[in-house]
Amino acid sequence: MTAFRTHINLWLLWGICYKITCQSYIPYVQEGKFWLYNTHSGADANPSSIGVFVHFFKGDTIIDQRLYKKLYQASLMGTHNCQFPTCFTPNIPYETESPVEIGYGREDIHNKKVYYLPKDATSESCSNVEYELYDFEIPVGDSLSDCHRRNIHPSDFQSIGKIDSINTEFVYGRERTVHYFTGVYNIGLPYTFPMRLIEGVGFDYYEPINYTQNTFYASFCEGSLEQCNFLNSVYNNKFSSNISIFPSPSNDIIRIESDHIIEKVEIFDLNGKSLMTSNQNEVVISNLSADIYFVNIYLNHGQVITKKIIKH
């Protein structure tokens, strides 16, 4: 059994266990989670907010025979109602604009590790290839990755990021494992203080994907758009597409409907092996064995949508 198939089986197993509460670990890579970050002016003496953005996972994709969740970033709309210093106040309820796909996340549920693959390399990214974003099972005495420690305090990264203690705390409505480590506050005169790595949430001080010293963690919410106080759907963007595949389960033919032109349909097995391609909206799958498959739907504007089907 390949690593890819093992990963998929763990993903599907978690989906079953989560519904019947047989899984105590709280996964990180999930839809229905929203991370808010505040961008500051960078002034040493009196930093002020100049914008707020949100991160969220939405939709699946297959890259190099691995299943990922797509990670998006969207700005929040608001007002700059201060003259000096400048300040930004987001609209409440939240209103989003311009969602952008920034990368891809996957999770090893068994080992409690999260991996991140940037869509495009930036100067703030730890790597332009997949790397470990979080280890929610890191023991006391071990340190965070070099990537995180350099981001927190690049001039003396070796002395910070060591896990000092691990507690179970009620955070954001659930019992979660919380790792405490020594971090550095970088605005003005730097000083050390305790930071947290929270199970299913991540860091509660800075933004770990495209870190800058002027971007800080603001809030986290887990739930529906309404529960998390979003007025509009963060999932809408200029390439939003309504895709439906039916019937599923199916014995012989699947039909695909989209509000965009479909250029190609490709079906993969759980090992990530491409089994067939078609440029039609109806695909004959009678020759496939009974199993779960992934379907990549390539649209004319360049977007690729990944869906799951069941073959009887």
C-alpha atoms as a PDB file:
ATOM      1  CA  MET A   1       0.000   0.000   0.000  1.00  0.00           C
ATOM      2  CA  THR A   2       1.514   3.307  -1.007  1.00  0.00           C
ATOM      3  CA  ALA A   3       1.928   6.316   1.250  1.00  0.00           C
ATOM      4  CA  PHE A   4      -0.693   8.126  -0.828  1.00  0.00           C
ATOM      5  CA  ARG A   5      -3.274   5.369  -0.331  1.00  0.00           C
ATOM      6  CA  THR A   6      -2.480   5.244   3.387  1.00  0.00           C
ATOM      7  CA  HIS A   7      -2.989   9.012   3.588  1.00  0.00           C
ATOM      8  CA  ILE A   8      -6.338   8.793   1.751  1.00  0.00           C
ATOM      9  CA  ASN A   9      -7.547   5.941   3.940  1.00  0.00           C
ATOM     10  CA  LEU A  10      -6.645   7.897   7.082  1.00  0.00           C
ATOM     11  CA  TRP A  11      -8.472  10.920   5.684  1.00  0.00           C
ATOM     12  CA  LEU A  12     -11.610   8.852   4.975  1.00  0.00           C
ATOM     13  CA  LEU A  13     -11.342   7.078   8.336  1.00  0.00           C
ATOM     14  CA  TRP A  14     -11.136  10.410  10.130  1.00  0.00           C
ATOM     15  CA  GLY A  15     -14.296  11.556   8.318  1.00  0.00           C
ATOM     16  CA  ILE A  16     -16.148   8.570   9.789  1.00  0.00           C
ATOM     17  CA  CYS A  17     -14.617   8.829  13.250  1.00  0.00           C
ATOM     18  CA  TYR A  18     -15.232  12.551  13.528  1.00  0.00           C
ATOM     19  CA  LYS A  19     -18.978  12.028  13.105  1.00  0.00           C
ATOM     20  CA  ILE A  20     -19.100   9.406  15.870  1.00  0.00           C
ATOM     21  CA  THR A  21     -16.473  11.087  18.122  1.00  0.00           C
ATOM     22  CA  CYS A  22     -14.046   8.159  18.049  1.00  0.00           C
ATOM     23  CA  GLN A  23     -11.162  10.463  17.166  1.00  0.00           C
ATOM     24  CA  SER A  24      -9.778  12.571  20.023  1.00  0.00           C
ATOM     25  CA  TYR A  25      -7.321  14.544  17.883  1.00  0.00           C
ATOM     26  CA  ILE A  26      -8.749  17.743  16.383  1.00  0.00           C
ATOM     27  CA  PRO A  27      -7.525  18.102  12.763  1.00  0.00           C
ATOM     28  CA  TYR A  28      -6.242  21.385  11.383  1.00  0.00           C
ATOM     29  CA  VAL A  29      -6.837  20.987   7.638  1.00  0.00           C
ATOM     30  CA  GLN A  30     -10.620  21.311   7.479  1.00  0.00           C
ATOM     31  CA  GLU A  31     -13.284  23.368   5.812  1.00  0.00           C
ATOM     32  CA  GLY A  32     -15.407  25.468   8.153  1.00  0.00           C
ATOM     33  CA  LYS A  33     -12.399  27.052   9.880  1.00  0.00           C
ATOM     34  CA  PHE A  34     -11.400  30.703   9.597  1.00  0.00           C
ATOM     35  CA  TRP A  35      -8.139  32.327  10.714  1.00  0.00           C
ATOM     36  CA  LEU A  36      -8.102  36.144  10.880  1.00  0.00           C
ATOM     37  CA  TYR A  37      -4.853  38.142  10.732  1.00  0.00           C
ATOM     38  CA  ASN A  38      -4.200  41.826  11.327  1.00  0.00           C
ATOM     39  CA  THR A  39      -1.663  43.733   9.222  1.00  0.00           C
ATOM     40  CA  HIS A  40       0.068  46.604  11.044  1.00  0.00           C
ATOM     41  CA  SER A  41       1.838  49.708   9.832  1.00  0.00           C
ATOM     42  CA  GLY A  42       5.214  48.543  11.115  1.00  0.00           C
ATOM     43  CA  ALA A  43       5.823  51.634  13.222  1.00  0.00           C
ATOM     44  CA  ASP A  44       8.027  50.713  16.188  1.00  0.00           C
ATOM     45  CA  ALA A  45       6.535  53.075  18.733  1.00  0.00           C
ATOM     46  CA  ASN A  46       2.837  52.940  17.870  1.00  0.00           C
ATOM     47  CA  PRO A  47       1.858  50.312  15.277  1.00  0.00           C
ATOM     48  CA  SER A  48      -1.651  50.664  13.868  1.00  0.00           C
ATOM     49  CA  SER A  49      -3.885  48.336  11.900  1.00  0.00           C
ATOM     50  CA  ILE A  50      -3.937  48.892   8.136  1.00  0.00           C
ATOM     51  CA  GLY A  51      -5.927  45.786   7.121  1.00  0.00           C
ATOM     52  CA  VAL A  52      -7.346  42.395   8.094  1.00  0.00           C
ATOM     53  CA  PHE A  53      -7.451  39.186   6.045  1.00  0.00           C
ATOM     54  CA  VAL A  54      -8.779  35.666   6.541  1.00  0.00           C
ATOM     55  CA  HIS A  55      -7.422  32.220   5.686  1.00  0.00           C
ATOM     56  CA  PHE A  56      -9.685  29.240   5.010  1.00  0.00           C
ATOM     57  CA  PHE A  57      -9.621  25.813   3.347  1.00  0.00           C
ATOM     58  CA  LYS A  58     -12.052  25.052   0.540  1.00  0.00           C
ATOM     59  CA  GLY A  59     -12.045  22.213  -1.977  1.00  0.00           C
ATOM     60  CA  ASP A  60      -9.727  19.317  -2.783  1.00  0.00           C
ATOM     61  CA  THR A  61      -7.002  18.899  -5.362  1.00  0.00           C
ATOM     62  CA  ILE A  62      -4.471  16.209  -6.276  1.00  0.00           C
ATOM     63  CA  ILE A  63      -0.834  17.248  -6.733  1.00  0.00           C
ATOM     64  CA  ASP A  64       1.989  14.728  -7.223  1.00  0.00           C
ATOM     65  CA  GLN A  65      -0.329  11.867  -6.194  1.00  0.00           C
ATOM     66  CA  ARG A  66      -1.261  13.539  -2.903  1.00  0.00           C
ATOM     67  CA  LEU A  67      -4.642  14.839  -1.849  1.00  0.00           C
ATOM     68  CA  TYR A  68      -4.629  18.428  -0.577  1.00  0.00           C
ATOM     69  CA  LYS A  69      -7.127  20.991   0.641  1.00  0.00           C
ATOM     70  CA  LYS A  70      -6.868  24.342  -1.122  1.00  0.00           C
ATOM     71  CA  LEU A  71      -5.962  27.277   1.141  1.00  0.00           C
ATOM     72  CA  TYR A  72      -7.392  30.701   0.294  1.00  0.00           C
ATOM     73  CA  GLN A  73      -6.738  34.219   1.544  1.00  0.00           C
ATOM     74  CA  ALA A  74      -9.365  36.973   1.356  1.00  0.00           C
ATOM     75  CA  SER A  75      -9.273  40.596   2.506  1.00  0.00           C
ATOM     76  CA  LEU A  76     -11.932  41.946   4.854  1.00  0.00           C
ATOM     77  CA  MET A  77     -13.786  45.096   3.905  1.00  0.00           C
ATOM     78  CA  GLY A  78     -13.820  47.953   6.395  1.00  0.00           C
ATOM     79  CA  THR A  79     -13.082  51.584   7.086  1.00  0.00           C
ATOM     80  CA  HIS A  80      -9.970  53.657   7.814  1.00  0.00           C
ATOM     81  CA  ASN A  81     -11.580  55.963  10.318  1.00  0.00           C
ATOM     82  CA  CYS A  82      -8.472  57.488  11.894  1.00  0.00           C
ATOM     83  CA  GLN A  83      -6.293  60.227  10.449  1.00  0.00           C
ATOM     84  CA  PHE A  84      -3.198  59.756  12.624  1.00  0.00           C
ATOM     85  CA  PRO A  85      -2.136  57.163  13.310  1.00  0.00           C
ATOM     86  CA  THR A  86      -3.945  55.324  10.530  1.00  0.00           C
ATOM     87  CA  CYS A  87      -6.258  52.555  11.640  1.00  0.00           C
ATOM     88  CA  PHE A  88      -8.459  49.964   9.986  1.00  0.00           C
ATOM     89  CA  THR A  89     -11.730  48.631  11.388  1.00  0.00           C
ATOM     90  CA  PRO A  90     -13.345  45.652   9.608  1.00  0.00           C
ATOM     91  CA  ASN A  91     -17.053  45.704   8.936  1.00  0.00           C
ATOM     92  CA  ILE A  92     -19.103  43.641  11.393  1.00  0.00           C
ATOM     93  CA  PRO A  93     -20.469  41.197  10.270  1.00  0.00           C
ATOM     94  CA  TYR A  94     -17.394  40.459   8.170  1.00  0.00           C
ATOM     95  CA  GLU A  95     -17.462  41.154   4.439  1.00  0.00           C
ATOM     96  CA  THR A  96     -14.779  39.625   2.245  1.00  0.00           C
ATOM     97  CA  GLU A  97     -13.365  40.485  -1.161  1.00  0.00           C
ATOM     98  CA  SER A  98     -10.888  39.066  -3.663  1.00  0.00           C
ATOM     99  CA  PRO A  99     -10.259  35.500  -2.411  1.00  0.00           C
ATOM    100  CA  VAL A 100      -6.953  34.169  -3.752  1.00  0.00           C
ATOM    101  CA  GLU A 101      -5.722  30.579  -3.755  1.00  0.00           C
ATOM    102  CA  ILE A 102      -2.350  30.740  -1.981  1.00  0.00           C
ATOM    103  CA  GLY A 103      -1.411  27.096  -1.365  1.00  0.00           C
ATOM    104  CA  TYR A 104      -2.382  23.607  -0.315  1.00  0.00           C
ATOM    105  CA  GLY A 105      -2.558  21.785   3.005  1.00  0.00           C
ATOM    106  CA  ARG A 106      -2.668  18.119   3.941  1.00  0.00           C
ATOM    107  CA  GLU A 107      -2.580  16.329   7.258  1.00  0.00           C
ATOM    108  CA  ASP A 108      -1.146  13.102   8.649  1.00  0.00           C
ATOM    109  CA  ILE A 109      -3.870  12.392  11.210  1.00  0.00           C
ATOM    110  CA  HIS A 110      -2.050   9.429  12.738  1.00  0.00           C
ATOM    111  CA  ASN A 111       1.142  11.397  13.468  1.00  0.00           C
ATOM    112  CA  LYS A 112      -0.639  14.752  14.041  1.00  0.00           C
ATOM    113  CA  LYS A 113       1.424  16.596  11.453  1.00  0.00           C
ATOM    114  CA  VAL A 114       0.327  19.256   8.979  1.00  0.00           C
ATOM    115  CA  TYR A 115       2.107  19.852   5.679  1.00  0.00           C
ATOM    116  CA  TYR A 116       1.886  22.906   3.448  1.00  0.00           C
ATOM    117  CA  LEU A 117       2.688  23.368  -0.235  1.00  0.00           C
ATOM    118  CA  PRO A 118       2.868  27.015  -1.422  1.00  0.00           C
ATOM    119  CA  LYS A 119       1.196  27.734  -4.750  1.00  0.00           C
ATOM    120  CA  ASP A 120       3.899  30.280  -5.562  1.00  0.00           C
ATOM    121  CA  ALA A 121       7.203  30.787  -3.790  1.00  0.00           C
ATOM    122  CA  THR A 122       7.570  34.117  -1.999  1.00  0.00           C
ATOM    123  CA  SER A 123      10.328  35.709   0.044  1.00  0.00           C
ATOM    124  CA  GLU A 124       8.301  34.972   3.177  1.00  0.00           C
ATOM    125  CA  SER A 125       7.674  31.291   2.405  1.00  0.00           C
ATOM    126  CA  CYS A 126       9.787  28.728   4.205  1.00  0.00           C
ATOM    127  CA  SER A 127      10.107  26.714   1.019  1.00  0.00           C
ATOM    128  CA  ASN A 128       8.821  26.484  -2.532  1.00  0.00           C
ATOM    129  CA  VAL A 129       8.162  22.756  -2.005  1.00  0.00           C
ATOM    130  CA  GLU A 130       6.042  20.972   0.573  1.00  0.00           C
ATOM    131  CA  TYR A 131       7.225  21.385   4.162  1.00  0.00           C
ATOM    132  CA  GLU A 132       6.006  20.592   7.671  1.00  0.00           C
ATOM    133  CA  LEU A 133       3.828  23.444   8.892  1.00  0.00           C
ATOM    134  CA  TYR A 134       2.833  22.075  12.307  1.00  0.00           C
ATOM    135  CA  ASP A 135       3.652  19.125  14.538  1.00  0.00           C
ATOM    136  CA  PHE A 136       0.899  18.859  17.141  1.00  0.00           C
ATOM    137  CA  GLU A 137       2.693  16.000  18.903  1.00  0.00           C
ATOM    138  CA  ILE A 138       6.034  17.710  19.474  1.00  0.00           C
ATOM    139  CA  PRO A 139       7.296  16.790  22.980  1.00  0.00           C
ATOM    140  CA  VAL A 140       8.566  19.007  25.783  1.00  0.00           C
ATOM    141  CA  GLY A 141      12.213  19.904  25.220  1.00  0.00           C
ATOM    142  CA  ASP A 142      12.060  19.739  21.423  1.00  0.00           C
ATOM    143  CA  SER A 143      12.063  22.899  19.323  1.00  0.00           C
ATOM    144  CA  LEU A 144       9.920  24.197  16.509  1.00  0.00           C
ATOM    145  CA  SER A 145      11.295  23.924  12.997  1.00  0.00           C
ATOM    146  CA  ASP A 146      14.142  26.192  11.912  1.00  0.00           C
ATOM    147  CA  CYS A 147      11.661  27.858   9.574  1.00  0.00           C
ATOM    148  CA  HIS A 148       9.370  28.961  12.411  1.00  0.00           C
ATOM    149  CA  ARG A 149      12.209  29.959  14.715  1.00  0.00           C
ATOM    150  CA  ARG A 150      13.812  32.125  12.038  1.00  0.00           C
ATOM    151  CA  ASN A 151      10.452  33.771  11.386  1.00  0.00           C
ATOM    152  CA  ILE A 152       9.868  34.532  15.054  1.00  0.00           C
ATOM    153  CA  HIS A 153      13.340  35.950  15.670  1.00  0.00           C
ATOM    154  CA  PRO A 154      15.788  35.592  12.755  1.00  0.00           C
ATOM    155  CA  SER A 155      18.790  37.113  14.520  1.00  0.00           C
ATOM    156  CA  ASP A 156      18.750  34.603  17.374  1.00  0.00           C
ATOM    157  CA  PHE A 157      16.464  31.812  16.230  1.00  0.00           C
ATOM    158  CA  GLN A 158      18.422  29.042  17.993  1.00  0.00           C
ATOM    159  CA  SER A 159      17.481  30.312  21.463  1.00  0.00           C
ATOM    160  CA  ILE A 160      13.707  30.429  20.993  1.00  0.00           C
ATOM    161  CA  GLY A 161      10.935  28.021  19.979  1.00  0.00           C
ATOM    162  CA  LYS A 162      11.673  25.307  22.562  1.00  0.00           C
ATOM    163  CA  ILE A 163       8.558  23.571  23.917  1.00  0.00           C
ATOM    164  CA  ASP A 164       8.406  24.438  27.624  1.00  0.00           C
ATOM    165  CA  SER A 165       5.145  22.749  28.650  1.00  0.00           C
ATOM    166  CA  ILE A 166       2.072  20.966  27.282  1.00  0.00           C
ATOM    167  CA  ASN A 167      -1.410  21.424  28.757  1.00  0.00           C
ATOM    168  CA  THR A 168      -4.984  20.474  27.963  1.00  0.00           C
ATOM    169  CA  GLU A 169      -7.125  23.608  27.904  1.00  0.00           C
ATOM    170  CA  PHE A 170     -10.624  24.643  26.867  1.00  0.00           C
ATOM    171  CA  VAL A 171      -9.920  26.890  23.875  1.00  0.00           C
ATOM    172  CA  TYR A 172     -12.391  28.050  21.208  1.00  0.00           C
ATOM    173  CA  GLY A 173     -15.178  25.896  22.570  1.00  0.00           C
ATOM    174  CA  ARG A 174     -13.253  22.594  22.770  1.00  0.00           C
ATOM    175  CA  GLU A 175     -10.685  20.776  24.872  1.00  0.00           C
ATOM    176  CA  ARG A 176      -7.415  21.111  23.001  1.00  0.00           C
ATOM    177  CA  THR A 177      -3.766  20.230  23.546  1.00  0.00           C
ATOM    178  CA  VAL A 178      -1.755  23.430  23.944  1.00  0.00           C
ATOM    179  CA  HIS A 179       2.042  23.605  23.553  1.00  0.00           C
ATOM    180  CA  TYR A 180       3.782  26.578  25.189  1.00  0.00           C
ATOM    181  CA  PHE A 181       7.076  27.872  23.855  1.00  0.00           C
ATOM    182  CA  THR A 182       9.177  31.014  24.215  1.00  0.00           C
ATOM    183  CA  GLY A 183       8.682  33.533  21.445  1.00  0.00           C
ATOM    184  CA  VAL A 184       9.710  37.094  20.713  1.00  0.00           C
ATOM    185  CA  TYR A 185       7.569  40.198  20.330  1.00  0.00           C
ATOM    186  CA  ASN A 186       9.264  42.124  17.535  1.00  0.00           C
ATOM    187  CA  ILE A 187       7.532  45.531  17.566  1.00  0.00           C
ATOM    188  CA  GLY A 188       9.604  48.230  19.264  1.00  0.00           C
ATOM    189  CA  LEU A 189      12.170  46.827  21.692  1.00  0.00           C
ATOM    190  CA  PRO A 190      11.971  43.001  21.248  1.00  0.00           C
ATOM    191  CA  TYR A 191      11.207  40.942  24.329  1.00  0.00           C
ATOM    192  CA  THR A 192      10.403  37.289  24.983  1.00  0.00           C
ATOM    193  CA  PHE A 193       7.059  35.993  26.166  1.00  0.00           C
ATOM    194  CA  PRO A 194       5.106  32.682  26.104  1.00  0.00           C
ATOM    195  CA  MET A 195       3.448  31.749  22.817  1.00  0.00           C
ATOM    196  CA  ARG A 196       1.037  28.896  22.134  1.00  0.00           C
ATOM    197  CA  LEU A 197       0.664  26.162  19.536  1.00  0.00           C
ATOM    198  CA  ILE A 198      -2.999  25.128  19.808  1.00  0.00           C
ATOM    199  CA  GLU A 199      -4.306  21.802  18.516  1.00  0.00           C
ATOM    200  CA  GLY A 200      -6.480  22.276  15.433  1.00  0.00           C
ATOM    201  CA  VAL A 201      -5.763  26.028  15.423  1.00  0.00           C
ATOM    202  CA  GLY A 202      -2.014  26.603  15.150  1.00  0.00           C
ATOM    203  CA  PHE A 203      -0.060  29.590  16.457  1.00  0.00           C
ATOM    204  CA  ASP A 204      -1.937  32.317  18.292  1.00  0.00           C
ATOM    205  CA  TYR A 205       0.599  35.084  17.682  1.00  0.00           C
ATOM    206  CA  TYR A 206       1.697  35.267  14.064  1.00  0.00           C
ATOM    207  CA  GLU A 207       0.710  34.110  10.604  1.00  0.00           C
ATOM    208  CA  PRO A 208       2.772  31.018   9.734  1.00  0.00           C
ATOM    209  CA  ILE A 209       2.200  30.778   5.955  1.00  0.00           C
ATOM    210  CA  ASN A 210       3.696  34.026   4.586  1.00  0.00           C
ATOM    211  CA  TYR A 211       5.128  35.454   7.763  1.00  0.00           C
ATOM    212  CA  THR A 212       6.066  39.115   8.112  1.00  0.00           C
ATOM    213  CA  GLN A 213       6.839  40.971  11.319  1.00  0.00           C
ATOM    214  CA  ASN A 214       3.929  43.319  10.583  1.00  0.00           C
ATOM    215  CA  THR A 215       1.263  40.592  10.446  1.00  0.00           C
ATOM    216  CA  PHE A 216      -0.258  39.202  13.631  1.00  0.00           C
ATOM    217  CA  TYR A 217      -2.832  36.584  14.521  1.00  0.00           C
ATOM    218  CA  ALA A 218      -6.169  38.217  15.409  1.00  0.00           C
ATOM    219  CA  SER A 219      -8.835  35.540  15.868  1.00  0.00           C
ATOM    220  CA  PHE A 220     -10.068  32.067  14.974  1.00  0.00           C
ATOM    221  CA  CYS A 221     -13.538  30.660  14.407  1.00  0.00           C
ATOM    222  CA  GLU A 222     -14.776  27.153  13.717  1.00  0.00           C
ATOM    223  CA  GLY A 223     -18.288  26.733  12.343  1.00  0.00           C
ATOM    224  CA  SER A 224     -20.617  27.925   9.606  1.00  0.00           C
ATOM    225  CA  LEU A 225     -20.361  31.314   7.916  1.00  0.00           C
ATOM    226  CA  GLU A 226     -23.255  32.538  10.035  1.00  0.00           C
ATOM    227  CA  GLN A 227     -21.733  31.226  13.256  1.00  0.00           C
ATOM    228  CA  CYS A 228     -18.426  32.905  12.395  1.00  0.00           C
ATOM    229  CA  ASN A 229     -20.118  36.231  11.649  1.00  0.00           C
ATOM    230  CA  PHE A 230     -19.530  36.387   7.881  1.00  0.00           C
ATOM    231  CA  LEU A 231     -22.130  38.412   6.020  1.00  0.00           C
ATOM    232  CA  ASN A 232     -21.146  37.110   2.583  1.00  0.00           C
ATOM    233  CA  SER A 233     -19.604  33.883   1.413  1.00  0.00           C
ATOM    234  CA  VAL A 234     -15.807  33.858   1.535  1.00  0.00           C
ATOM    235  CA  TYR A 235     -15.976  31.035  -0.977  1.00  0.00           C
ATOM    236  CA  ASN A 236     -17.092  33.264  -3.843  1.00  0.00           C
ATOM    237  CA  ASN A 237     -14.378  34.428  -6.222  1.00  0.00           C
ATOM    238  CA  LYS A 238     -14.013  35.331  -9.858  1.00  0.00           C
ATOM    239  CA  PHE A 239     -13.464  31.675 -10.728  1.00  0.00           C
ATOM    240  CA  SER A 240     -16.247  30.279  -8.547  1.00  0.00           C
ATOM    241  CA  SER A 241     -17.845  27.292 -10.261  1.00  0.00           C
ATOM    242  CA  ASN A 242     -20.861  25.196  -9.500  1.00  0.00           C
ATOM    243  CA  ILE A 243     -19.952  21.586 -10.253  1.00  0.00           C
ATOM    244  CA  SER A 244     -22.207  18.576  -9.769  1.00  0.00           C
ATOM    245  CA  ILE A 245     -21.527  14.919 -10.542  1.00  0.00           C
ATOM    246  CA  PHE A 246     -24.365  12.421 -10.631  1.00  0.00           C
ATOM    247  CA  PRO A 247     -25.277   9.759  -9.970  1.00  0.00           C
ATOM    248  CA  SER A 248     -22.869   8.809  -7.198  1.00  0.00           C
ATOM    249  CA  PRO A 249     -22.765   5.941  -6.441  1.00  0.00           C
ATOM    250  CA  SER A 250     -22.905   4.861 -10.085  1.00  0.00           C
ATOM    251  CA  ASN A 251     -22.562   1.587 -11.974  1.00  0.00           C
ATOM    252  CA  ASP A 252     -21.843   2.745 -15.500  1.00  0.00           C
ATOM    253  CA  ILE A 253     -22.010   6.464 -16.362  1.00  0.00           C
ATOM    254  CA  ILE A 254     -21.360   9.698 -14.491  1.00  0.00           C
ATOM    255  CA  ARG A 255     -22.657  13.044 -15.733  1.00  0.00           C
ATOM    256  CA  ILE A 256     -20.944  16.333 -14.912  1.00  0.00           C
ATOM    257  CA  GLU A 257     -22.690  19.691 -14.900  1.00  0.00           C
ATOM    258  CA  SER A 258     -20.854  23.015 -14.605  1.00  0.00           C
ATOM    259  CA  ASP A 259     -21.543  26.706 -15.127  1.00  0.00           C
ATOM    260  CA  HIS A 260     -18.224  26.856 -17.013  1.00  0.00           C
ATOM    261  CA  ILE A 261     -16.938  25.002 -20.068  1.00  0.00           C
ATOM    262  CA  ILE A 262     -15.343  21.668 -19.187  1.00  0.00           C
ATOM    263  CA  GLU A 263     -12.173  21.045 -21.182  1.00  0.00           C
ATOM    264  CA  LYS A 264     -11.161  17.690 -19.704  1.00  0.00           C
ATOM    265  CA  VAL A 265     -12.220  15.134 -17.093  1.00  0.00           C
ATOM    266  CA  GLU A 266      -9.626  12.855 -15.478  1.00  0.00           C
ATOM    267  CA  ILE A 267     -10.300  10.006 -13.053  1.00  0.00           C
ATOM    268  CA  PHE A 268      -7.733   8.829 -10.456  1.00  0.00           C
ATOM    269  CA  ASP A 269      -7.650   5.842  -8.133  1.00  0.00           C
ATOM    270  CA  LEU A 270      -6.757   6.171  -4.449  1.00  0.00           C
ATOM    271  CA  ASN A 271      -3.075   5.738  -5.313  1.00  0.00           C
ATOM    272  CA  GLY A 272      -3.206   8.876  -7.460  1.00  0.00           C
ATOM    273  CA  LYS A 273      -2.879   6.870 -10.683  1.00  0.00           C
ATOM    274  CA  SER A 274      -4.671   8.361 -13.675  1.00  0.00           C
ATOM    275  CA  LEU A 275      -7.095   5.765 -15.051  1.00  0.00           C
ATOM    276  CA  MET A 276      -8.951   7.585 -17.817  1.00  0.00           C
ATOM    277  CA  THR A 277      -9.528  10.969 -19.399  1.00  0.00           C
ATOM    278  CA  SER A 278     -12.432  12.385 -21.364  1.00  0.00           C
ATOM    279  CA  ASN A 279     -13.467  15.675 -22.937  1.00  0.00           C
ATOM    280  CA  GLN A 280     -17.153  14.847 -22.549  1.00  0.00           C
ATOM    281  CA  ASN A 281     -19.602  15.716 -19.783  1.00  0.00           C
ATOM    282  CA  GLU A 282     -20.657  12.067 -19.648  1.00  0.00           C
ATOM    283  CA  VAL A 283     -18.000   9.527 -18.723  1.00  0.00           C
ATOM    284  CA  VAL A 284     -18.418   5.751 -18.904  1.00  0.00           C
ATOM    285  CA  ILE A 285     -16.979   4.124 -15.775  1.00  0.00           C
ATOM    286  CA  SER A 286     -18.383   0.600 -16.204  1.00  0.00           C
ATOM    287  CA  ASN A 287     -14.867  -0.838 -16.600  1.00  0.00           C
ATOM    288  CA  LEU A 288     -13.756   0.465 -13.182  1.00  0.00           C
ATOM    289  CA  SER A 289     -13.817  -1.766 -10.127  1.00  0.00           C
ATOM    290  CA  ALA A 290     -16.140  -0.963  -7.239  1.00  0.00           C
ATOM    291  CA  ASP A 291     -14.242   1.620  -5.181  1.00  0.00           C
ATOM    292  CA  ILE A 292     -13.856   5.317  -4.376  1.00  0.00           C
ATOM    293  CA  TYR A 293     -12.272   7.510  -7.048  1.00  0.00           C
ATOM    294  CA  PHE A 294     -11.243  11.137  -7.492  1.00  0.00           C
ATOM    295  CA  VAL A 295     -12.305  13.159 -10.513  1.00  0.00           C
ATOM    296  CA  ASN A 296     -10.322  16.189 -11.690  1.00  0.00           C
ATOM    297  CA  ILE A 297     -12.495  18.551 -13.742  1.00  0.00           C
ATOM    298  CA  TYR A 298     -10.447  21.005 -15.837  1.00  0.00           C
ATOM    299  CA  LEU A 299     -12.364  24.194 -16.689  1.00  0.00           C
ATOM    300  CA  ASN A 300     -11.708  26.577 -19.552  1.00  0.00           C
ATOM    301  CA  HIS A 301     -10.429  29.422 -17.312  1.00  0.00           C
ATOM    302  CA  GLY A 302      -7.686  27.223 -15.845  1.00  0.00           C
ATOM    303  CA  GLN A 303      -9.371  26.127 -12.618  1.00  0.00           C
ATOM    304  CA  VAL A 304      -9.232  22.458 -11.632  1.00  0.00           C
ATOM    305  CA  ILE A 305     -11.997  21.084  -9.408  1.00  0.00           C
ATOM    306  CA  THR A 306     -11.540  17.762  -7.598  1.00  0.00           C
ATOM    307  CA  LYS A 307     -14.547  15.662  -6.651  1.00  0.00           C
ATOM    308  CA  LYS A 308     -15.037  12.186  -5.170  1.00  0.00           C
ATOM    309  CA  ILE A 309     -17.256   9.497  -6.732  1.00  0.00           C
ATOM    310  CA  ILE A 310     -18.253   5.989  -5.689  1.00  0.00           C
ATOM    311  CA  LYS A 311     -18.395   3.159  -8.220  1.00  0.00           C
ATOM    312  CA  HIS A 312     -20.719   0.270  -7.326  1.00  0.00           C
END
